[in-house]
């Protein structure tokens, strides 16, 4: 399988400096060579990110930061993902913050008739502009993808919801805002929080997800992976770390089980912030280890 690497050095969704340096740090640590050792990869370069002043963050909406720039960046990303799939390549999107998933899902959902999303994250990313306590759009991409939120995000690239909530699998959540809990319950998406995972066992939960996907009519599956799904002790270099997350072996088990099914058709890896990393660059190196592992499974 040919892989198209699409880098999106965006920080506007998290409104915190540093996330935009994630792709360049991973390139510095030989991400491309690692991929080349396992797969044919085409580095599509960095998506263009306009320079916007902090003082203009609420220029486009009173409760959402950088709305129109994020919309435009994601529209361009959506087309890059769609064109990648059209050329029979696997889009591997490197962030940047998780707001980019609005675009990656929009592009993939235009290509596939009926798509599923596996969302691996400490957070729900299920806010809209009325429920978000921060106004940061990286907390809204999953909601936008199922049609909840501002029309500029829900209708991005093509009109209407991009995925059915029944085909959404949220894995690893343990820090949900009150408004997110309501939207998750009302939408009916498949939530597997860390409490349930710890009680049932990760392998059993993964089997449930795989069985549900196989029993459905989906013809594509997007995997969106936020590194803050790992325990906070392992990822100092991310903007919103949360205790009680996956360890490295659990994370690799997730990738092994899901990628071995050969139904994953596109993927995000997001929220590395090199400016927050420790002196040993442990988070960036962990990401490189995961990328090496993923590239061997694709």
Protein backbone atom coordinates (compact mmCIF):
# COMPACT_ATOMS: atom_id res chain seq x y z
CA UNK A 1 0.00 0.00 0.00
CA UNK A 2 1.29 3.45 -0.93
CA UNK A 3 1.11 6.04 1.84
CA UNK A 4 0.57 9.75 1.34
CA UNK A 5 1.97 11.69 4.30
CA UNK A 6 0.04 14.95 4.75
CA UNK A 7 1.36 17.27 7.45
CA UNK A 8 -0.89 19.92 8.97
CA UNK A 9 1.16 22.24 11.23
CA UNK A 10 -1.83 23.91 12.89
CA UNK A 11 -2.16 25.29 16.42
CA UNK A 12 -5.33 27.36 16.06
CA UNK A 13 -7.63 24.58 17.23
CA UNK A 14 -5.89 24.23 20.59
CA UNK A 15 -4.88 27.92 20.83
CA UNK A 16 -1.53 26.97 22.33
CA UNK A 17 1.85 27.58 20.79
CA UNK A 18 3.89 24.52 19.86
CA UNK A 19 1.46 22.07 18.26
CA UNK A 20 2.35 23.53 14.86
CA UNK A 21 5.89 22.20 15.30
CA UNK A 22 4.83 18.56 15.62
CA UNK A 23 5.34 17.59 11.96
CA UNK A 24 8.76 19.26 11.70
CA UNK A 25 9.96 17.58 14.89
CA UNK A 26 8.89 14.16 13.59
CA UNK A 27 10.64 14.81 10.28
CA UNK A 28 13.74 15.84 12.23
CA UNK A 29 13.60 12.44 13.95
CA UNK A 30 13.58 10.66 10.57
CA UNK A 31 9.88 9.87 10.30
CA UNK A 32 10.11 9.70 6.50
CA UNK A 33 13.05 7.27 6.51
CA UNK A 34 11.20 5.06 8.98
CA UNK A 35 8.23 4.89 6.65
CA UNK A 36 10.45 4.28 3.63
CA UNK A 37 11.94 1.28 5.40
CA UNK A 38 8.52 -0.35 5.57
CA UNK A 39 6.28 1.21 2.90
CA UNK A 40 6.29 3.26 -0.26
CA UNK A 41 5.63 6.76 1.05
CA UNK A 42 5.05 10.06 -0.67
CA UNK A 43 5.69 13.10 1.48
CA UNK A 44 3.10 15.62 0.34
CA UNK A 45 4.68 18.35 2.44
CA UNK A 46 3.01 20.76 4.85
CA UNK A 47 -0.44 22.11 4.23
CA UNK A 48 -0.40 25.92 4.02
CA UNK A 49 -1.28 27.55 7.34
CA UNK A 50 -1.91 31.33 7.25
CA UNK A 51 -0.41 33.49 9.96
CA UNK A 52 -3.19 34.87 12.17
CA UNK A 53 -2.63 37.27 15.06
CA UNK A 54 -3.76 36.18 18.52
CA UNK A 55 -5.78 39.37 18.81
CA UNK A 56 -7.93 38.19 15.91
CA UNK A 57 -8.87 34.80 17.38
CA UNK A 58 -12.50 35.82 17.96
CA UNK A 59 -12.77 37.86 14.76
CA UNK A 60 -15.07 35.32 13.08
CA UNK A 61 -17.18 34.11 16.02
CA UNK A 62 -17.77 35.24 19.60
CA UNK A 63 -17.44 31.73 21.07
CA UNK A 64 -15.12 29.93 18.65
CA UNK A 65 -11.46 30.77 18.13
CA UNK A 66 -10.04 31.12 14.60
CA UNK A 67 -13.23 29.76 13.02
CA UNK A 68 -12.75 30.76 9.38
CA UNK A 69 -9.00 30.02 9.19
CA UNK A 70 -9.66 26.56 10.66
CA UNK A 71 -12.52 26.06 8.22
CA UNK A 72 -10.34 26.99 5.25
CA UNK A 73 -7.37 24.87 6.36
CA UNK A 74 -9.64 21.88 6.84
CA UNK A 75 -11.29 22.38 3.48
CA UNK A 76 -7.88 22.17 1.83
CA UNK A 77 -7.01 19.11 3.91
CA UNK A 78 -10.29 17.43 2.98
CA UNK A 79 -9.46 17.79 -0.70
CA UNK A 80 -5.94 16.46 -0.17
CA UNK A 81 -7.35 13.40 1.62
CA UNK A 82 -10.01 12.84 -1.04
CA UNK A 83 -7.43 13.08 -3.85
CA UNK A 84 -5.14 10.71 -1.98
CA UNK A 85 -7.88 8.09 -1.72
CA UNK A 86 -8.79 8.64 -5.37
CA UNK A 87 -5.20 7.77 -6.27
CA UNK A 88 -5.41 4.54 -4.24
CA UNK A 89 -3.10 5.81 -1.49
CA UNK A 90 -3.47 5.68 2.28
CA UNK A 91 -3.70 9.22 3.74
CA UNK A 92 -1.62 9.48 6.91
CA UNK A 93 -2.23 12.92 8.43
CA UNK A 94 0.24 14.33 10.96
CA UNK A 95 -0.65 17.23 13.24
CA UNK A 96 -0.89 19.78 14.62
CA UNK A 97 -3.92 19.85 16.81
CA UNK A 98 -7.01 17.66 16.56
CA UNK A 99 -9.15 20.26 14.79
CA UNK A 100 -7.61 18.88 11.59
CA UNK A 101 -9.80 15.78 11.89
CA UNK A 102 -12.74 17.82 10.61
CA UNK A 103 -10.97 17.96 7.27
CA UNK A 104 -9.57 14.45 7.18
CA UNK A 105 -13.00 12.96 7.94
CA UNK A 106 -14.75 15.26 5.46
CA UNK A 107 -12.38 14.24 2.68
CA UNK A 108 -12.58 10.53 3.43
CA UNK A 109 -16.36 10.60 3.79
CA UNK A 110 -16.73 12.08 0.31
CA UNK A 111 -14.86 9.10 -1.11
CA UNK A 112 -16.62 6.36 0.86
CA UNK A 113 -20.36 5.76 0.73
CA UNK A 114 -20.68 4.81 4.40
CA UNK A 115 -17.73 5.40 6.71
CA UNK A 116 -16.87 4.58 10.32
CA UNK A 117 -14.55 6.52 12.61
CA UNK A 118 -12.52 5.14 15.51
CA UNK A 119 -11.60 8.08 17.73
CA UNK A 120 -8.86 7.36 20.28
CA UNK A 121 -8.62 10.23 22.73
CA UNK A 122 -8.63 11.17 26.40
CA UNK A 123 -11.37 13.66 25.50
CA UNK A 124 -14.64 13.43 23.65
CA UNK A 125 -14.05 16.33 21.23
CA UNK A 126 -17.84 16.45 21.18
CA UNK A 127 -18.45 20.08 22.12
CA UNK A 128 -20.20 22.68 20.02
CA UNK A 129 -19.86 26.43 20.39
CA UNK A 130 -22.61 26.53 23.03
CA UNK A 131 -21.13 23.82 25.26
CA UNK A 132 -17.39 24.43 24.91
CA UNK A 133 -15.84 26.00 28.04
CA UNK A 134 -12.80 27.22 26.08
CA UNK A 135 -13.94 27.99 22.53
CA UNK A 136 -11.08 25.83 21.24
CA UNK A 137 -12.16 24.03 18.09
CA UNK A 138 -9.92 21.02 18.73
CA UNK A 139 -12.62 20.09 21.23
CA UNK A 140 -15.30 20.08 18.52
CA UNK A 141 -14.21 17.97 15.50
CA UNK A 142 -16.09 14.78 16.32
CA UNK A 143 -19.31 16.71 17.00
CA UNK A 144 -18.89 18.63 13.73
CA UNK A 145 -18.34 15.39 11.82
CA UNK A 146 -21.68 13.98 12.94
CA UNK A 147 -23.43 17.26 12.12
CA UNK A 148 -23.45 19.06 15.48
CA UNK A 149 -22.17 22.62 15.66
CA UNK A 150 -21.54 25.63 13.46
CA UNK A 151 -22.59 25.28 9.83
CA UNK A 152 -19.13 26.35 8.69
CA UNK A 153 -17.75 23.14 10.19
CA UNK A 154 -20.66 20.74 9.74
CA UNK A 155 -20.96 21.57 6.03
CA UNK A 156 -17.23 21.64 5.35
CA UNK A 157 -16.18 20.31 1.89
CA UNK A 158 -19.58 18.73 1.29
CA UNK A 159 -22.92 19.42 2.92
CA UNK A 160 -24.34 17.53 5.84
CA UNK A 161 -23.06 15.08 8.46
CA UNK A 162 -20.00 13.14 7.37
CA UNK A 163 -20.63 10.06 9.52
CA UNK A 164 -23.49 8.45 11.39
CA UNK A 165 -23.06 8.40 15.18
CA UNK A 166 -23.79 4.65 15.05
CA UNK A 167 -20.51 4.28 13.14
CA UNK A 168 -18.42 6.28 15.64
CA UNK A 169 -16.30 4.47 18.24
CA UNK A 170 -14.81 6.72 20.93
CA UNK A 171 -12.07 4.84 22.74
CA UNK A 172 -10.13 5.85 25.86
CA UNK A 173 -12.14 8.89 26.98
CA UNK A 174 -11.73 9.89 30.62
CA UNK A 175 -12.09 13.70 30.64
CA UNK A 176 -15.50 14.73 29.29
CA UNK A 177 -17.06 18.18 29.67
CA UNK A 178 -20.66 18.28 30.98
CA UNK A 179 -22.00 19.40 27.62
CA UNK A 180 -20.12 16.62 25.85
CA UNK A 181 -21.69 13.99 28.07
CA UNK A 182 -25.13 15.22 27.04
CA UNK A 183 -24.28 15.32 23.32
CA UNK A 184 -22.67 11.87 23.45
CA UNK A 185 -25.73 10.38 25.14
CA UNK A 186 -28.16 12.12 22.78
CA UNK A 187 -26.21 11.17 19.65
CA UNK A 188 -25.90 7.49 20.53
CA UNK A 189 -22.30 7.05 19.44
CA UNK A 190 -20.33 4.10 20.79
CA UNK A 191 -18.40 5.23 23.86
CA UNK A 192 -15.72 3.07 25.49
CA UNK A 193 -14.28 5.09 28.36
CA UNK A 194 -11.27 4.04 30.35
CA UNK A 195 -13.43 2.83 33.24
CA UNK A 196 -15.22 0.35 30.97
CA UNK A 197 -11.96 -0.64 29.26
CA UNK A 198 -10.32 -1.36 32.61
CA UNK A 199 -13.32 -3.40 33.76
CA UNK A 200 -13.82 -5.44 30.58
CA UNK A 201 -10.26 -5.59 29.35
CA UNK A 202 -8.89 -3.78 26.31
CA UNK A 203 -8.74 -6.87 24.12
CA UNK A 204 -12.43 -7.61 24.70
CA UNK A 205 -13.40 -4.01 23.92
CA UNK A 206 -11.39 -4.08 20.71
CA UNK A 207 -13.08 -7.31 19.71
CA UNK A 208 -16.48 -5.68 20.26
CA UNK A 209 -15.53 -2.72 18.06
CA UNK A 210 -14.16 -4.96 15.32
CA UNK A 211 -17.26 -7.16 15.38
CA UNK A 212 -19.58 -4.15 15.16
CA UNK A 213 -17.66 -2.69 12.23
CA UNK A 214 -17.61 -5.98 10.38
CA UNK A 215 -21.33 -6.42 10.93
CA UNK A 216 -22.07 -2.94 9.57
CA UNK A 217 -22.25 -1.75 5.98
CA UNK A 218 -19.27 0.61 6.15
CA UNK A 219 -16.81 0.62 3.27
CA UNK A 220 -14.11 2.75 4.92
CA UNK A 221 -12.77 3.36 8.45
CA UNK A 222 -10.90 6.46 9.57
CA UNK A 223 -8.66 6.10 12.63
CA UNK A 224 -8.06 9.36 14.51
CA UNK A 225 -5.39 9.04 17.20
CA UNK A 226 -4.64 11.72 19.78
CA UNK A 227 -1.46 11.07 21.73
CA UNK A 228 -3.13 12.30 24.92
CA UNK A 229 -4.98 8.97 24.93
CA UNK A 230 -1.81 7.68 26.55
CA UNK A 231 -1.27 8.20 30.26
CA UNK A 232 -0.03 11.68 31.09
CA UNK A 233 3.21 10.28 32.52
CA UNK A 234 4.18 9.10 29.02
CA UNK A 235 3.31 12.22 27.04
CA UNK A 236 4.58 15.41 28.66
CA UNK A 237 4.78 16.92 25.18
CA UNK A 238 1.07 17.32 24.56
CA UNK A 239 -1.28 20.16 25.41
CA UNK A 240 -3.97 18.42 27.45
CA UNK A 241 -2.51 15.32 29.18
CA UNK A 242 -4.78 13.29 31.44
CA UNK A 243 -3.86 10.64 34.01
CA UNK A 244 -5.19 7.11 33.75
CA UNK A 245 -4.64 6.52 30.06
CA UNK A 246 -3.18 3.75 27.93
CA UNK A 247 0.36 2.51 28.40
CA UNK A 248 2.61 1.88 25.42
CA UNK A 249 1.86 -1.84 25.17
CA UNK A 250 -1.89 -1.17 25.20
CA UNK A 251 -1.50 1.46 22.49
CA UNK A 252 0.41 -0.96 20.31
CA UNK A 253 -2.24 -3.61 20.93
CA UNK A 254 -4.87 -1.16 19.66
CA UNK A 255 -2.92 -0.56 16.47
CA UNK A 256 -2.15 -4.24 16.00
CA UNK A 257 -5.74 -5.37 16.40
CA UNK A 258 -7.25 -2.63 14.25
CA UNK A 259 -4.66 -2.45 11.47
CA UNK A 260 -4.45 -6.23 11.13
CA UNK A 261 -8.12 -6.19 10.14
CA UNK A 262 -7.13 -4.27 6.99
CA UNK A 263 -10.24 -2.10 7.15
CA UNK A 264 -8.52 1.13 8.24
CA UNK A 265 -8.41 3.40 5.18
CA UNK A 266 -6.99 6.66 6.57
CA UNK A 267 -5.46 7.91 9.81
CA UNK A 268 -4.59 10.98 11.91
CA UNK A 269 -1.84 11.27 14.52
CA UNK A 270 -2.17 14.55 16.41
CA UNK A 271 -1.36 16.82 19.35
CA UNK A 272 2.42 16.46 19.69
CA UNK A 273 3.71 19.75 21.13
CA UNK A 274 7.53 19.78 21.08
CA UNK A 275 7.65 23.01 23.11
CA UNK A 276 6.09 21.15 26.05
CA UNK A 277 8.23 18.02 25.74
CA UNK A 278 10.89 17.15 28.27
CA UNK A 279 14.62 17.55 27.70
CA UNK A 280 14.88 13.99 26.41
CA UNK A 281 12.15 14.62 23.78
CA UNK A 282 10.44 11.54 25.18
CA UNK A 283 7.03 12.32 23.67
CA UNK A 284 8.41 12.93 20.19
CA UNK A 285 10.47 9.74 20.38
CA UNK A 286 7.43 7.80 21.58
CA UNK A 287 5.54 9.10 18.53
CA UNK A 288 8.38 7.92 16.30
CA UNK A 289 8.24 4.49 17.93
CA UNK A 290 4.50 4.34 17.27
CA UNK A 291 4.92 5.50 13.69
CA UNK A 292 7.51 2.79 13.11
CA UNK A 293 5.09 0.22 14.54
CA UNK A 294 2.15 1.54 12.49
CA UNK A 295 4.13 1.62 9.27
CA UNK A 296 4.97 -2.07 9.63
CA UNK A 297 1.28 -2.94 10.10
CA UNK A 298 -0.18 -0.92 7.24
